[in-house]
Amino acid sequence: GGGVMTGSSLLGRVLRRYIGGLLSRIYLLLRSLLLLISYLHTSALLTCYHDPYLCLCLFFPFVFQSVVRVGVEWVGMPHWGPTVCWYAFLVYIFAGEGGKGKKK
């Protein structure tokens, strides 16, 4: 039978329910975060696929140091070369047509 419930068994049941509910909420939160990250990455990759100019403008500042290192070590770029490359990039973005040539 067991019609009488002791305090410790009631406490155990309440703790199991509480911990189970907490773990399910944590699981749902982590799952939602992973889905959001997946959506953002997919969206970013599709944007880079459809607009390579935007991708270039986003990633060039991150790879600039590597470009300069290769230019200085292998090509023999003069000491003023990195400055000229950086300002040419900025002029291309802000003053040029930005890769959006005239469409016919």
N, C-alpha and C. Protein backbone atom coordinates (compact mmCIF):
# COMPACT_ATOMS: atom_id res chain seq x y z
N GLY A 1 0.70 -1.20 0.00
CA GLY A 1 0.00 0.00 0.00
C GLY A 1 0.75 1.27 0.00
N GLY A 2 0.91 1.78 1.18
CA GLY A 2 1.64 3.03 1.33
C GLY A 2 0.77 4.24 1.17
N GLY A 3 -0.32 4.32 1.89
CA GLY A 3 -1.18 5.48 1.80
C GLY A 3 -0.65 6.69 2.54
N VAL A 4 0.29 6.47 3.45
CA VAL A 4 0.83 7.57 4.26
C VAL A 4 2.12 8.04 3.62
N MET A 5 2.23 9.35 3.39
CA MET A 5 3.42 9.91 2.75
C MET A 5 4.24 10.61 3.83
N THR A 6 5.49 10.25 3.91
CA THR A 6 6.36 10.88 4.90
C THR A 6 6.91 12.19 4.36
N GLY A 7 7.48 13.01 5.22
CA GLY A 7 8.02 14.30 4.82
C GLY A 7 9.19 14.18 3.87
N SER A 8 10.03 13.17 4.07
CA SER A 8 11.21 13.03 3.22
C SER A 8 10.83 12.58 1.80
N SER A 9 9.82 11.70 1.67
CA SER A 9 9.42 11.28 0.32
C SER A 9 8.73 12.42 -0.42
N LEU A 10 7.97 13.23 0.30
CA LEU A 10 7.34 14.40 -0.33
C LEU A 10 8.39 15.40 -0.78
N LEU A 11 9.38 15.62 0.07
CA LEU A 11 10.47 16.54 -0.29
C LEU A 11 11.24 16.01 -1.49
N GLY A 12 11.48 14.70 -1.52
CA GLY A 12 12.18 14.11 -2.67
C GLY A 12 11.40 14.28 -3.96
N ARG A 13 10.08 14.09 -3.90
CA ARG A 13 9.24 14.24 -5.08
C ARG A 13 9.23 15.70 -5.57
N VAL A 14 9.14 16.63 -4.63
CA VAL A 14 9.13 18.05 -4.99
C VAL A 14 10.48 18.45 -5.60
N LEU A 15 11.57 17.97 -5.01
CA LEU A 15 12.90 18.28 -5.56
C LEU A 15 13.08 17.70 -6.95
N ARG A 16 12.62 16.48 -7.17
CA ARG A 16 12.73 15.88 -8.50
C ARG A 16 11.95 16.68 -9.53
N ARG A 17 10.76 17.11 -9.17
CA ARG A 17 9.97 17.92 -10.11
C ARG A 17 10.64 19.27 -10.38
N TYR A 18 11.15 19.88 -9.33
CA TYR A 18 11.81 21.17 -9.49
C TYR A 18 13.05 21.05 -10.36
N ILE A 19 13.88 20.06 -10.08
CA ILE A 19 15.10 19.86 -10.86
C ILE A 19 14.76 19.47 -12.29
N GLY A 20 13.76 18.63 -12.47
CA GLY A 20 13.33 18.27 -13.83
C GLY A 20 12.85 19.48 -14.61
N GLY A 21 12.06 20.33 -13.98
CA GLY A 21 11.59 21.54 -14.65
C GLY A 21 12.73 22.49 -14.97
N LEU A 22 13.67 22.62 -14.04
CA LEU A 22 14.83 23.48 -14.26
C LEU A 22 15.68 22.97 -15.42
N LEU A 23 15.93 21.67 -15.45
CA LEU A 23 16.73 21.09 -16.54
C LEU A 23 16.02 21.22 -17.88
N SER A 24 14.71 21.09 -17.90
CA SER A 24 14.00 21.24 -19.17
C SER A 24 14.06 22.68 -19.65
N ARG A 25 14.00 23.64 -18.72
CA ARG A 25 14.12 25.04 -19.12
C ARG A 25 15.52 25.36 -19.64
N ILE A 26 16.53 24.81 -18.99
CA ILE A 26 17.90 25.01 -19.44
C ILE A 26 18.08 24.40 -20.83
N TYR A 27 17.54 23.21 -21.03
CA TYR A 27 17.61 22.56 -22.34
C TYR A 27 16.94 23.42 -23.42
N LEU A 28 15.76 23.94 -23.13
CA LEU A 28 15.05 24.77 -24.12
C LEU A 28 15.81 26.06 -24.40
N LEU A 29 16.41 26.65 -23.39
CA LEU A 29 17.19 27.87 -23.59
C LEU A 29 18.41 27.60 -24.46
N LEU A 30 19.14 26.54 -24.17
CA LEU A 30 20.32 26.19 -24.97
C LEU A 30 19.93 25.84 -26.40
N ARG A 31 18.85 25.12 -26.55
CA ARG A 31 18.38 24.76 -27.89
C ARG A 31 18.01 26.02 -28.68
N SER A 32 17.34 26.95 -28.04
CA SER A 32 16.97 28.20 -28.70
C SER A 32 18.20 29.00 -29.09
N LEU A 33 19.20 29.04 -28.20
CA LEU A 33 20.43 29.77 -28.52
C LEU A 33 21.17 29.13 -29.69
N LEU A 34 21.22 27.81 -29.71
CA LEU A 34 21.89 27.13 -30.82
C LEU A 34 21.15 27.34 -32.14
N LEU A 35 19.83 27.33 -32.10
CA LEU A 35 19.06 27.61 -33.31
C LEU A 35 19.28 29.03 -33.79
N LEU A 36 19.36 29.99 -32.87
CA LEU A 36 19.62 31.38 -33.23
C LEU A 36 21.00 31.53 -33.86
N ILE A 37 22.00 30.90 -33.27
CA ILE A 37 23.36 30.95 -33.83
C ILE A 37 23.39 30.31 -35.21
N SER A 38 22.71 29.19 -35.37
CA SER A 38 22.65 28.53 -36.67
C SER A 38 21.98 29.43 -37.71
N TYR A 39 20.89 30.08 -37.32
CA TYR A 39 20.19 30.99 -38.24
C TYR A 39 21.09 32.16 -38.63
N LEU A 40 21.79 32.74 -37.67
CA LEU A 40 22.66 33.88 -37.97
C LEU A 40 23.80 33.49 -38.90
N HIS A 41 24.40 32.32 -38.67
CA HIS A 41 25.47 31.87 -39.54
C HIS A 41 24.95 31.59 -40.95
N THR A 42 23.81 30.95 -41.05
CA THR A 42 23.23 30.68 -42.37
C THR A 42 22.92 31.97 -43.10
N SER A 43 22.35 32.92 -42.39
CA SER A 43 22.03 34.21 -42.99
C SER A 43 23.29 34.94 -43.44
N ALA A 44 24.34 34.90 -42.62
CA ALA A 44 25.60 35.57 -42.98
C ALA A 44 26.23 34.91 -44.21
N LEU A 45 26.22 33.59 -44.26
CA LEU A 45 26.81 32.91 -45.42
C LEU A 45 26.02 33.19 -46.70
N LEU A 46 24.70 33.21 -46.59
CA LEU A 46 23.89 33.51 -47.77
C LEU A 46 24.11 34.95 -48.22
N THR A 47 24.26 35.87 -47.28
CA THR A 47 24.53 37.26 -47.64
C THR A 47 25.87 37.38 -48.34
N CYS A 48 26.88 36.69 -47.83
CA CYS A 48 28.20 36.72 -48.49
C CYS A 48 28.14 36.08 -49.87
N TYR A 49 27.31 35.07 -50.03
CA TYR A 49 27.18 34.41 -51.32
C TYR A 49 26.52 35.35 -52.34
N HIS A 50 25.49 36.07 -51.91
CA HIS A 50 24.76 36.94 -52.82
C HIS A 50 25.44 38.30 -53.03
N ASP A 51 26.26 38.74 -52.09
CA ASP A 51 26.93 40.03 -52.21
C ASP A 51 28.39 39.89 -51.76
N PRO A 52 29.26 39.41 -52.65
CA PRO A 52 30.67 39.19 -52.27
C PRO A 52 31.38 40.49 -51.87
N TYR A 53 30.94 41.63 -52.40
CA TYR A 53 31.55 42.91 -52.03
C TYR A 53 31.39 43.17 -50.54
N LEU A 54 30.19 42.90 -50.03
CA LEU A 54 29.94 43.08 -48.60
C LEU A 54 30.83 42.16 -47.79
N CYS A 55 30.99 40.95 -48.23
CA CYS A 55 31.85 39.99 -47.54
C CYS A 55 33.30 40.50 -47.52
N LEU A 56 33.77 41.04 -48.64
CA LEU A 56 35.11 41.59 -48.71
C LEU A 56 35.27 42.74 -47.71
N CYS A 57 34.30 43.62 -47.66
CA CYS A 57 34.38 44.78 -46.77
C CYS A 57 34.33 44.37 -45.30
N LEU A 58 33.63 43.29 -45.00
CA LEU A 58 33.56 42.84 -43.62
C LEU A 58 34.83 42.13 -43.16
N PHE A 59 35.43 41.35 -44.05
CA PHE A 59 36.55 40.52 -43.62
C PHE A 59 37.93 41.10 -43.93
N PHE A 60 38.02 42.10 -44.79
CA PHE A 60 39.32 42.68 -45.11
C PHE A 60 40.03 43.25 -43.89
N PRO A 61 39.33 44.00 -43.00
CA PRO A 61 40.04 44.49 -41.80
C PRO A 61 40.61 43.37 -40.93
N PHE A 62 39.98 42.20 -40.94
CA PHE A 62 40.49 41.09 -40.13
C PHE A 62 41.70 40.42 -40.76
N VAL A 63 41.78 40.40 -42.08
CA VAL A 63 42.91 39.75 -42.75
C VAL A 63 43.97 40.75 -43.19
N PHE A 64 43.78 42.02 -42.87
CA PHE A 64 44.72 43.05 -43.31
C PHE A 64 46.13 42.79 -42.79
N GLN A 65 46.24 42.38 -41.54
CA GLN A 65 47.57 42.11 -40.97
C GLN A 65 48.28 40.99 -41.74
N SER A 66 47.56 39.97 -42.12
CA SER A 66 48.16 38.88 -42.89
C SER A 66 48.56 39.34 -44.28
N VAL A 67 47.73 40.17 -44.89
CA VAL A 67 48.05 40.71 -46.21
C VAL A 67 49.32 41.55 -46.14
N VAL A 68 49.43 42.37 -45.12
CA VAL A 68 50.63 43.20 -44.96
C VAL A 68 51.86 42.33 -44.72
N ARG A 69 51.72 41.31 -43.87
CA ARG A 69 52.85 40.42 -43.59
C ARG A 69 53.35 39.75 -44.86
N VAL A 70 52.42 39.26 -45.67
CA VAL A 70 52.80 38.62 -46.94
C VAL A 70 53.42 39.65 -47.87
N GLY A 71 52.83 40.84 -47.92
CA GLY A 71 53.36 41.88 -48.79
C GLY A 71 54.75 42.32 -48.40
N VAL A 72 55.02 42.43 -47.13
CA VAL A 72 56.33 42.89 -46.67
C VAL A 72 57.37 41.79 -46.81
N GLU A 73 57.03 40.55 -46.41
CA GLU A 73 58.02 39.48 -46.40
C GLU A 73 58.30 38.91 -47.78
N TRP A 74 57.28 38.68 -48.58
CA TRP A 74 57.48 37.97 -49.84
C TRP A 74 57.55 38.90 -51.05
N VAL A 75 56.78 39.96 -51.04
CA VAL A 75 56.75 40.84 -52.20
C VAL A 75 57.77 41.96 -52.07
N GLY A 76 58.16 42.27 -50.85
CA GLY A 76 59.12 43.35 -50.64
C GLY A 76 58.46 44.71 -50.65
N MET A 77 57.28 44.79 -50.07
CA MET A 77 56.53 46.05 -50.00
C MET A 77 57.33 47.07 -49.19
N PRO A 78 57.41 48.32 -49.67
CA PRO A 78 58.12 49.34 -48.90
C PRO A 78 57.41 49.64 -47.57
N HIS A 79 58.09 50.38 -46.71
CA HIS A 79 57.54 50.64 -45.37
C HIS A 79 56.24 51.43 -45.41
N TRP A 80 56.00 52.18 -46.46
CA TRP A 80 54.76 52.97 -46.56
C TRP A 80 53.65 52.17 -47.26
N GLY A 81 53.94 50.98 -47.71
CA GLY A 81 52.97 50.16 -48.43
C GLY A 81 51.70 49.82 -47.65
N PRO A 82 51.82 49.37 -46.39
CA PRO A 82 50.61 49.05 -45.63
C PRO A 82 49.67 50.25 -45.45
N THR A 83 50.26 51.43 -45.25
CA THR A 83 49.43 52.63 -45.10
C THR A 83 48.67 52.93 -46.38
N VAL A 84 49.35 52.80 -47.50
CA VAL A 84 48.70 53.06 -48.79
C VAL A 84 47.60 52.02 -49.04
N CYS A 85 47.86 50.76 -48.71
CA CYS A 85 46.83 49.72 -48.89
C CYS A 85 45.60 50.00 -48.04
N TRP A 86 45.82 50.40 -46.78
CA TRP A 86 44.70 50.65 -45.89
C TRP A 86 43.87 51.84 -46.39
N TYR A 87 44.53 52.94 -46.76
CA TYR A 87 43.77 54.10 -47.22
C TYR A 87 43.13 53.85 -48.59
N ALA A 88 43.74 53.02 -49.41
CA ALA A 88 43.11 52.67 -50.69
C ALA A 88 41.83 51.88 -50.42
N PHE A 89 41.86 51.01 -49.44
CA PHE A 89 40.66 50.26 -49.06
C PHE A 89 39.58 51.21 -48.56
N LEU A 90 39.93 52.16 -47.71
CA LEU A 90 38.95 53.11 -47.20
C LEU A 90 38.37 53.99 -48.30
N VAL A 91 39.22 54.43 -49.24
CA VAL A 91 38.72 55.23 -50.36
C VAL A 91 37.78 54.39 -51.22
N TYR A 92 38.12 53.14 -51.42
CA TYR A 92 37.27 52.25 -52.21
C TYR A 92 35.89 52.11 -51.58
N ILE A 93 35.85 52.02 -50.25
CA ILE A 93 34.57 51.86 -49.57
C ILE A 93 33.77 53.16 -49.56
N PHE A 94 34.41 54.25 -49.11
CA PHE A 94 33.66 55.47 -48.83
C PHE A 94 33.54 56.43 -50.00
N ALA A 95 34.54 56.47 -50.88
CA ALA A 95 34.50 57.44 -51.97
C ALA A 95 34.21 56.80 -53.32
N GLY A 96 34.51 55.53 -53.45
CA GLY A 96 34.28 54.87 -54.73
C GLY A 96 32.86 54.37 -54.85
N GLU A 97 32.63 53.64 -55.92
CA GLU A 97 31.30 53.07 -56.11
C GLU A 97 31.12 51.81 -55.29
N GLY A 98 32.18 51.39 -54.63
CA GLY A 98 32.07 50.25 -53.71
C GLY A 98 31.78 48.94 -54.39
N GLY A 99 32.37 48.71 -55.54
CA GLY A 99 32.15 47.44 -56.21
C GLY A 99 30.81 47.33 -56.91
N LYS A 100 30.01 48.35 -56.84
CA LYS A 100 28.69 48.33 -57.48
C LYS A 100 28.80 49.07 -58.82
N GLY A 101 29.46 48.46 -59.74
CA GLY A 101 29.65 49.09 -61.04
C GLY A 101 28.32 49.40 -61.71
N LYS A 102 28.38 50.26 -62.71
CA LYS A 102 27.14 50.66 -63.40
C LYS A 102 26.54 49.46 -64.11
N LYS A 103 25.29 49.25 -63.88
CA LYS A 103 24.60 48.13 -64.50
C LYS A 103 24.02 48.58 -65.83
N LYS A 104 24.16 47.72 -66.78
CA LYS A 104 23.66 48.07 -68.13
C LYS A 104 22.28 47.55 -68.33
